[in-house]
Amino acid sequence: MRGTIRRACTAGLVIGALVTGLGACTGGSGDDRAGKGRKTGKPVATACADGTFTWSHLTERDRLTGVSDPERLGKGGGALRNPMRRVYTPSPSVRADGPAPSPAEILFSLGKKTGEIDSDARTLAQADDTWSFTDVRQPAPELDNDRVKPTTAGEYLQYAGVREVAADFRYSCPGGRTVSGHARNWTVDFTVLTGCDERPDSPLAREVARRSCERTASPSPSGA
């Protein structure tokens, strides 16, 4: 069973990591198409089993999923009390313009393309393992699971994010039929401890500053 890596950071530095095993993979929109065919009495085209994926326009970027308001801690630091509010909910997505393999198979190919999945198997059906990345119903990571406790006085806030990957694909069958589509999923999720006095050094940090630091006129005291 393979999972995604979860990281916790403080002021831009990694302070720990957990490997989290997630649930088994599901997928297969073919049953839905077959059911529709039986109801209408019309033949339903199905994807070939021995096609080849070609990927293009691959993108990877960090997406902010949650952020807290800043708060000031007194001597010795302590637990942050302000919860993170969700600003984005990541979810796997697969779209195709015709008969294509199951979403799980498409995400398996995308995972191999991005390096998220290390497997010599040609298809997910032939693999001896399962990966959370191939589950189109994989839930978004919860917020506030990695609550970092500062040990010194200061003003702090937390934010969470994921690394999102997306790409276009073409699935070519031996007979010449080609299906095009787009797939998206997230990989690493992380929690970061920072403060409004930290200089934003990335698009994600600038979004945090805009959503939390500029939004809050004054920090809420929680132990000063």
C-alpha atoms as a PDB file:
ATOM      1  CA  MET A   1       0.000   0.000   0.000  1.00  0.00           C
ATOM      2  CA  ARG A   2       1.457   3.334  -0.990  1.00  0.00           C
ATOM      3  CA  GLY A   3       0.433   6.758   0.293  1.00  0.00           C
ATOM      4  CA  THR A   4       1.374  10.381  -0.044  1.00  0.00           C
ATOM      5  CA  ILE A   5       3.985  12.228   2.003  1.00  0.00           C
ATOM      6  CA  ARG A   6       2.839  14.762   4.558  1.00  0.00           C
ATOM      7  CA  ARG A   7       5.254  17.480   5.688  1.00  0.00           C
ATOM      8  CA  ALA A   8       5.230  20.013   8.502  1.00  0.00           C
ATOM      9  CA  CYS A   9       7.361  23.154   8.141  1.00  0.00           C
ATOM     10  CA  THR A  10       8.302  26.151  10.244  1.00  0.00           C
ATOM     11  CA  ALA A  11       9.350  29.430   8.665  1.00  0.00           C
ATOM     12  CA  GLY A  12      10.099  27.578   5.456  1.00  0.00           C
ATOM     13  CA  LEU A  13      12.077  24.716   7.069  1.00  0.00           C
ATOM     14  CA  VAL A  14      10.935  21.093   7.156  1.00  0.00           C
ATOM     15  CA  ILE A  15      10.597  19.923  10.768  1.00  0.00           C
ATOM     16  CA  GLY A  16       9.118  16.448  10.281  1.00  0.00           C
ATOM     17  CA  ALA A  17       7.504  13.980   7.930  1.00  0.00           C
ATOM     18  CA  LEU A  18       4.937  11.213   8.118  1.00  0.00           C
ATOM     19  CA  VAL A  19       4.179   8.580   5.510  1.00  0.00           C
ATOM     20  CA  THR A  20       0.445   8.008   5.538  1.00  0.00           C
ATOM     21  CA  GLY A  21      -1.107   4.882   4.068  1.00  0.00           C
ATOM     22  CA  LEU A  22      -4.389   5.618   2.336  1.00  0.00           C
ATOM     23  CA  GLY A  23      -7.244   3.484   1.087  1.00  0.00           C
ATOM     24  CA  ALA A  24      -7.356   1.131  -1.842  1.00  0.00           C
ATOM     25  CA  CYS A  25      -7.976   2.391  -5.323  1.00  0.00           C
ATOM     26  CA  THR A  26     -11.271   2.488  -7.121  1.00  0.00           C
ATOM     27  CA  GLY A  27     -12.397   3.610 -10.521  1.00  0.00           C
ATOM     28  CA  GLY A  28     -14.045   2.344 -13.622  1.00  0.00           C
ATOM     29  CA  SER A  29     -16.633   4.406 -15.350  1.00  0.00           C
ATOM     30  CA  GLY A  30     -17.089   1.594 -17.857  1.00  0.00           C
ATOM     31  CA  ASP A  31     -19.858   0.042 -15.768  1.00  0.00           C
ATOM     32  CA  ASP A  32     -21.817   3.279 -15.919  1.00  0.00           C
ATOM     33  CA  ARG A  33     -21.492   3.439 -19.683  1.00  0.00           C
ATOM     34  CA  ALA A  34     -22.482  -0.197 -20.042  1.00  0.00           C
ATOM     35  CA  GLY A  35     -25.534   0.361 -17.864  1.00  0.00           C
ATOM     36  CA  LYS A  36     -26.642   3.253 -20.042  1.00  0.00           C
ATOM     37  CA  GLY A  37     -26.234   1.074 -23.111  1.00  0.00           C
ATOM     38  CA  ARG A  38     -28.526  -1.609 -21.707  1.00  0.00           C
ATOM     39  CA  LYS A  39     -31.206   0.939 -20.859  1.00  0.00           C
ATOM     40  CA  THR A  40     -31.253   2.571 -24.295  1.00  0.00           C
ATOM     41  CA  GLY A  41     -30.630  -0.555 -26.347  1.00  0.00           C
ATOM     42  CA  LYS A  42     -27.865   1.259 -28.248  1.00  0.00           C
ATOM     43  CA  PRO A  43     -24.322  -0.111 -28.498  1.00  0.00           C
ATOM     44  CA  VAL A  44     -21.821   1.713 -26.306  1.00  0.00           C
ATOM     45  CA  ALA A  45     -18.216   2.156 -27.463  1.00  0.00           C
ATOM     46  CA  THR A  46     -15.600   0.951 -25.020  1.00  0.00           C
ATOM     47  CA  ALA A  47     -11.925   1.756 -24.654  1.00  0.00           C
ATOM     48  CA  CYS A  48      -9.372  -0.612 -26.149  1.00  0.00           C
ATOM     49  CA  ALA A  49      -7.353  -2.568 -23.598  1.00  0.00           C
ATOM     50  CA  ASP A  50      -3.952  -2.235 -25.265  1.00  0.00           C
ATOM     51  CA  GLY A  51      -3.731   1.475 -26.015  1.00  0.00           C
ATOM     52  CA  THR A  52      -0.838   3.812 -25.309  1.00  0.00           C
ATOM     53  CA  PHE A  53      -0.851   7.020 -23.243  1.00  0.00           C
ATOM     54  CA  THR A  54       0.956  10.154 -24.402  1.00  0.00           C
ATOM     55  CA  TRP A  55       1.115  13.058 -21.923  1.00  0.00           C
ATOM     56  CA  SER A  56       1.696  16.751 -22.594  1.00  0.00           C
ATOM     57  CA  HIS A  57       1.448  20.179 -20.920  1.00  0.00           C
ATOM     58  CA  LEU A  58       2.402  18.744 -17.539  1.00  0.00           C
ATOM     59  CA  THR A  59       2.200  21.299 -14.711  1.00  0.00           C
ATOM     60  CA  GLU A  60       3.072  21.085 -11.018  1.00  0.00           C
ATOM     61  CA  ARG A  61       2.277  23.832  -8.546  1.00  0.00           C
ATOM     62  CA  ASP A  62       1.605  24.343  -4.852  1.00  0.00           C
ATOM     63  CA  ARG A  63      -1.978  25.224  -3.973  1.00  0.00           C
ATOM     64  CA  LEU A  64      -3.040  26.844  -0.696  1.00  0.00           C
ATOM     65  CA  THR A  65      -5.760  24.784   1.011  1.00  0.00           C
ATOM     66  CA  GLY A  66      -6.135  26.513   4.370  1.00  0.00           C
ATOM     67  CA  VAL A  67      -4.814  29.424   6.439  1.00  0.00           C
ATOM     68  CA  SER A  68      -5.322  30.726   9.970  1.00  0.00           C
ATOM     69  CA  ASP A  69      -5.444  34.256  11.282  1.00  0.00           C
ATOM     70  CA  PRO A  70      -2.229  35.358  13.020  1.00  0.00           C
ATOM     71  CA  GLU A  71      -2.020  35.312  16.806  1.00  0.00           C
ATOM     72  CA  ARG A  72       0.557  36.412  19.353  1.00  0.00           C
ATOM     73  CA  LEU A  73       2.036  34.011  21.889  1.00  0.00           C
ATOM     74  CA  GLY A  74       3.790  35.014  25.084  1.00  0.00           C
ATOM     75  CA  LYS A  75       6.951  33.715  26.719  1.00  0.00           C
ATOM     76  CA  GLY A  76       7.510  30.030  26.053  1.00  0.00           C
ATOM     77  CA  GLY A  77       5.151  29.904  23.090  1.00  0.00           C
ATOM     78  CA  GLY A  78       2.357  27.314  23.249  1.00  0.00           C
ATOM     79  CA  ALA A  79      -0.427  25.858  21.157  1.00  0.00           C
ATOM     80  CA  LEU A  80      -2.019  27.981  18.436  1.00  0.00           C
ATOM     81  CA  ARG A  81      -5.751  28.405  18.906  1.00  0.00           C
ATOM     82  CA  ASN A  82      -6.865  29.972  15.651  1.00  0.00           C
ATOM     83  CA  PRO A  83      -8.121  27.229  13.309  1.00  0.00           C
ATOM     84  CA  MET A  84      -7.287  27.178   9.641  1.00  0.00           C
ATOM     85  CA  ARG A  85     -10.140  28.125   7.329  1.00  0.00           C
ATOM     86  CA  ARG A  86     -10.355  26.226   4.051  1.00  0.00           C
ATOM     87  CA  VAL A  87      -9.735  28.215   0.887  1.00  0.00           C
ATOM     88  CA  TYR A  88      -9.423  25.366  -1.636  1.00  0.00           C
ATOM     89  CA  THR A  89     -10.441  21.704  -1.742  1.00  0.00           C
ATOM     90  CA  PRO A  90      -8.171  19.596  -3.963  1.00  0.00           C
ATOM     91  CA  SER A  91      -9.689  16.564  -5.667  1.00  0.00           C
ATOM     92  CA  PRO A  92      -8.673  14.107  -8.397  1.00  0.00           C
ATOM     93  CA  SER A  93     -10.269  14.830 -11.773  1.00  0.00           C
ATOM     94  CA  VAL A  94     -10.323  12.937 -15.066  1.00  0.00           C
ATOM     95  CA  ARG A  95     -12.044  14.100 -18.275  1.00  0.00           C
ATOM     96  CA  ALA A  96     -12.051  12.423 -21.688  1.00  0.00           C
ATOM     97  CA  ASP A  97     -13.721  13.233 -25.025  1.00  0.00           C
ATOM     98  CA  GLY A  98     -14.580   9.605 -25.805  1.00  0.00           C
ATOM     99  CA  PRO A  99     -14.262   5.992 -24.640  1.00  0.00           C
ATOM    100  CA  ALA A 100     -11.239   5.878 -22.343  1.00  0.00           C
ATOM    101  CA  PRO A 101      -9.798   3.564 -19.699  1.00  0.00           C
ATOM    102  CA  SER A 102     -11.096   3.882 -16.139  1.00  0.00           C
ATOM    103  CA  PRO A 103     -10.121   6.997 -14.147  1.00  0.00           C
ATOM    104  CA  ALA A 104      -7.898   4.785 -11.980  1.00  0.00           C
ATOM    105  CA  GLU A 105      -5.955   3.596 -15.040  1.00  0.00           C
ATOM    106  CA  ILE A 106      -5.566   7.164 -16.305  1.00  0.00           C
ATOM    107  CA  LEU A 107      -4.321   8.377 -12.920  1.00  0.00           C
ATOM    108  CA  PHE A 108      -1.952   5.385 -12.767  1.00  0.00           C
ATOM    109  CA  SER A 109      -0.394   6.509 -16.043  1.00  0.00           C
ATOM    110  CA  LEU A 110      -0.217  10.118 -14.823  1.00  0.00           C
ATOM    111  CA  GLY A 111       1.401   8.953 -11.586  1.00  0.00           C
ATOM    112  CA  LYS A 112       4.082   7.100 -13.528  1.00  0.00           C
ATOM    113  CA  LYS A 113       4.629  10.142 -15.734  1.00  0.00           C
ATOM    114  CA  THR A 114       5.149  12.461 -12.748  1.00  0.00           C
ATOM    115  CA  GLY A 115       7.210   9.987 -10.715  1.00  0.00           C
ATOM    116  CA  GLU A 116       4.567   9.691  -8.015  1.00  0.00           C
ATOM    117  CA  ILE A 117       4.166   5.994  -8.867  1.00  0.00           C
ATOM    118  CA  ASP A 118       7.182   3.723  -9.285  1.00  0.00           C
ATOM    119  CA  SER A 119       6.042   0.595 -11.073  1.00  0.00           C
ATOM    120  CA  ASP A 120       7.176  -1.537 -13.988  1.00  0.00           C
ATOM    121  CA  ALA A 121       3.589  -2.638 -14.650  1.00  0.00           C
ATOM    122  CA  ARG A 122       2.147  -1.437 -17.930  1.00  0.00           C
ATOM    123  CA  THR A 123      -1.328  -0.920 -16.417  1.00  0.00           C
ATOM    124  CA  LEU A 124      -2.838  -0.682 -12.955  1.00  0.00           C
ATOM    125  CA  ALA A 125      -4.671  -3.962 -13.576  1.00  0.00           C
ATOM    126  CA  GLN A 126      -1.293  -5.670 -14.042  1.00  0.00           C
ATOM    127  CA  ALA A 127       0.303  -4.079 -10.954  1.00  0.00           C
ATOM    128  CA  ASP A 128       0.829  -5.989  -7.707  1.00  0.00           C
ATOM    129  CA  ASP A 129       0.289  -2.895  -5.570  1.00  0.00           C
ATOM    130  CA  THR A 130      -2.249  -0.123  -5.045  1.00  0.00           C
ATOM    131  CA  TRP A 131      -1.715   3.621  -4.750  1.00  0.00           C
ATOM    132  CA  SER A 132      -3.909   6.295  -3.224  1.00  0.00           C
ATOM    133  CA  PHE A 133      -2.999   8.492  -6.203  1.00  0.00           C
ATOM    134  CA  THR A 134      -5.139   6.312  -8.487  1.00  0.00           C
ATOM    135  CA  ASP A 135      -8.301   6.722  -6.373  1.00  0.00           C
ATOM    136  CA  VAL A 136     -10.526   9.282  -8.085  1.00  0.00           C
ATOM    137  CA  ARG A 137     -12.500   9.526  -4.818  1.00  0.00           C
ATOM    138  CA  GLN A 138      -9.458  10.269  -2.684  1.00  0.00           C
ATOM    139  CA  PRO A 139     -10.581  12.864  -0.084  1.00  0.00           C
ATOM    140  CA  ALA A 140      -8.823  16.159   0.410  1.00  0.00           C
ATOM    141  CA  PRO A 141      -6.367  16.258   3.336  1.00  0.00           C
ATOM    142  CA  GLU A 142      -7.907  17.555   6.530  1.00  0.00           C
ATOM    143  CA  LEU A 143      -6.759  20.814   8.049  1.00  0.00           C
ATOM    144  CA  ASP A 144      -5.282  21.271  11.537  1.00  0.00           C
ATOM    145  CA  ASN A 145      -3.979  17.698  11.784  1.00  0.00           C
ATOM    146  CA  ASP A 146      -0.360  18.837  12.197  1.00  0.00           C
ATOM    147  CA  ARG A 147      -0.656  21.557  14.794  1.00  0.00           C
ATOM    148  CA  VAL A 148       2.831  22.892  15.414  1.00  0.00           C
ATOM    149  CA  LYS A 149       3.565  24.345  18.888  1.00  0.00           C
ATOM    150  CA  PRO A 150       5.994  27.276  18.851  1.00  0.00           C
ATOM    151  CA  THR A 151       8.373  27.330  21.817  1.00  0.00           C
ATOM    152  CA  THR A 152       9.144  31.047  21.821  1.00  0.00           C
ATOM    153  CA  ALA A 153       7.148  34.237  22.038  1.00  0.00           C
ATOM    154  CA  GLY A 154       6.045  35.876  18.823  1.00  0.00           C
ATOM    155  CA  GLU A 155       3.308  36.309  16.251  1.00  0.00           C
ATOM    156  CA  TYR A 156       2.444  33.183  14.307  1.00  0.00           C
ATOM    157  CA  LEU A 157       0.027  31.754  11.784  1.00  0.00           C
ATOM    158  CA  GLN A 158      -0.320  28.399  10.050  1.00  0.00           C
ATOM    159  CA  TYR A 159      -1.171  27.498   6.500  1.00  0.00           C
ATOM    160  CA  ALA A 160      -1.621  24.243   4.613  1.00  0.00           C
ATOM    161  CA  GLY A 161      -1.266  23.295   0.977  1.00  0.00           C
ATOM    162  CA  VAL A 162      -0.813  20.534  -1.551  1.00  0.00           C
ATOM    163  CA  ARG A 163       1.319  20.004  -4.631  1.00  0.00           C
ATOM    164  CA  GLU A 164      -1.093  19.657  -7.544  1.00  0.00           C
ATOM    165  CA  VAL A 165      -0.146  17.970 -10.826  1.00  0.00           C
ATOM    166  CA  ALA A 166      -2.135  18.140 -14.066  1.00  0.00           C
ATOM    167  CA  ALA A 167      -1.609  17.211 -17.705  1.00  0.00           C
ATOM    168  CA  ASP A 168      -3.342  16.539 -21.028  1.00  0.00           C
ATOM    169  CA  PHE A 169      -3.330  13.012 -22.407  1.00  0.00           C
ATOM    170  CA  ARG A 170      -3.958  11.140 -25.655  1.00  0.00           C
ATOM    171  CA  TYR A 171      -4.894   7.465 -25.519  1.00  0.00           C
ATOM    172  CA  SER A 172      -4.114   5.810 -28.847  1.00  0.00           C
ATOM    173  CA  CYS A 173      -5.489   2.389 -29.804  1.00  0.00           C
ATOM    174  CA  PRO A 174      -3.739   0.013 -32.261  1.00  0.00           C
ATOM    175  CA  GLY A 175      -6.567   0.472 -34.765  1.00  0.00           C
ATOM    176  CA  GLY A 176      -5.955   4.205 -34.982  1.00  0.00           C
ATOM    177  CA  ARG A 177      -8.693   5.503 -32.632  1.00  0.00           C
ATOM    178  CA  THR A 178      -7.460   8.215 -30.290  1.00  0.00           C
ATOM    179  CA  VAL A 179      -9.133   9.715 -27.217  1.00  0.00           C
ATOM    180  CA  SER A 180      -7.978  12.992 -25.684  1.00  0.00           C
ATOM    181  CA  GLY A 181      -8.482  14.216 -22.155  1.00  0.00           C
ATOM    182  CA  HIS A 182      -7.142  15.916 -19.052  1.00  0.00           C
ATOM    183  CA  ALA A 183      -6.252  14.576 -15.592  1.00  0.00           C
ATOM    184  CA  ARG A 184      -5.402  16.250 -12.289  1.00  0.00           C
ATOM    185  CA  ASN A 185      -4.470  15.085  -8.805  1.00  0.00           C
ATOM    186  CA  TRP A 186      -2.500  16.177  -5.761  1.00  0.00           C
ATOM    187  CA  THR A 187       0.578  14.601  -4.206  1.00  0.00           C
ATOM    188  CA  VAL A 188       2.395  16.049  -1.188  1.00  0.00           C
ATOM    189  CA  ASP A 189       0.361  17.924   1.415  1.00  0.00           C
ATOM    190  CA  PHE A 190       2.096  20.135   3.957  1.00  0.00           C
ATOM    191  CA  THR A 191       1.572  22.443   6.933  1.00  0.00           C
ATOM    192  CA  VAL A 192       3.745  25.513   7.498  1.00  0.00           C
ATOM    193  CA  LEU A 193       4.262  27.692  10.563  1.00  0.00           C
ATOM    194  CA  THR A 194       5.193  31.280   9.764  1.00  0.00           C
ATOM    195  CA  GLY A 195       4.515  34.877  10.767  1.00  0.00           C
ATOM    196  CA  CYS A 196       3.407  38.104   9.148  1.00  0.00           C
ATOM    197  CA  ASP A 197       6.902  39.528   9.621  1.00  0.00           C
ATOM    198  CA  GLU A 198       8.325  36.828   7.323  1.00  0.00           C
ATOM    199  CA  ARG A 199       9.092  38.113   3.840  1.00  0.00           C
ATOM    200  CA  PRO A 200       6.954  36.248   1.263  1.00  0.00           C
ATOM    201  CA  ASP A 201       9.345  34.362  -1.007  1.00  0.00           C
ATOM    202  CA  SER A 202       6.919  32.408  -3.197  1.00  0.00           C
ATOM    203  CA  PRO A 203       3.496  32.812  -4.838  1.00  0.00           C
ATOM    204  CA  LEU A 204       2.013  30.655  -2.074  1.00  0.00           C
ATOM    205  CA  ALA A 205       3.537  32.795   0.687  1.00  0.00           C
ATOM    206  CA  ARG A 206       2.279  35.961  -1.001  1.00  0.00           C
ATOM    207  CA  GLU A 207      -1.231  34.499  -1.136  1.00  0.00           C
ATOM    208  CA  VAL A 208      -1.003  33.687   2.587  1.00  0.00           C
ATOM    209  CA  ALA A 209       0.042  37.262   3.355  1.00  0.00           C
ATOM    210  CA  ARG A 210      -2.835  38.639   1.304  1.00  0.00           C
ATOM    211  CA  ARG A 211      -5.446  36.331   2.831  1.00  0.00           C
ATOM    212  CA  SER A 212      -4.325  36.476   6.459  1.00  0.00           C
ATOM    213  CA  CYS A 213      -1.867  39.242   7.271  1.00  0.00           C
ATOM    214  CA  GLU A 214      -3.483  41.977   5.196  1.00  0.00           C
ATOM    215  CA  ARG A 215      -6.963  40.764   6.145  1.00  0.00           C
ATOM    216  CA  THR A 216      -6.333  40.987   9.904  1.00  0.00           C
ATOM    217  CA  ALA A 217      -5.860  44.454  11.326  1.00  0.00           C
ATOM    218  CA  SER A 218      -4.400  43.158  14.586  1.00  0.00           C
ATOM    219  CA  PRO A 219      -3.434  39.703  15.845  1.00  0.00           C
ATOM    220  CA  SER A 220      -5.711  37.988  18.319  1.00  0.00           C
ATOM    221  CA  PRO A 221      -3.953  37.497  21.686  1.00  0.00           C
ATOM    222  CA  SER A 222      -3.818  33.961  22.963  1.00  0.00           C
ATOM    223  CA  GLY A 223      -1.422  33.947  25.825  1.00  0.00           C
ATOM    224  CA  ALA A 224       0.510  37.189  25.883  1.00  0.00           C
END
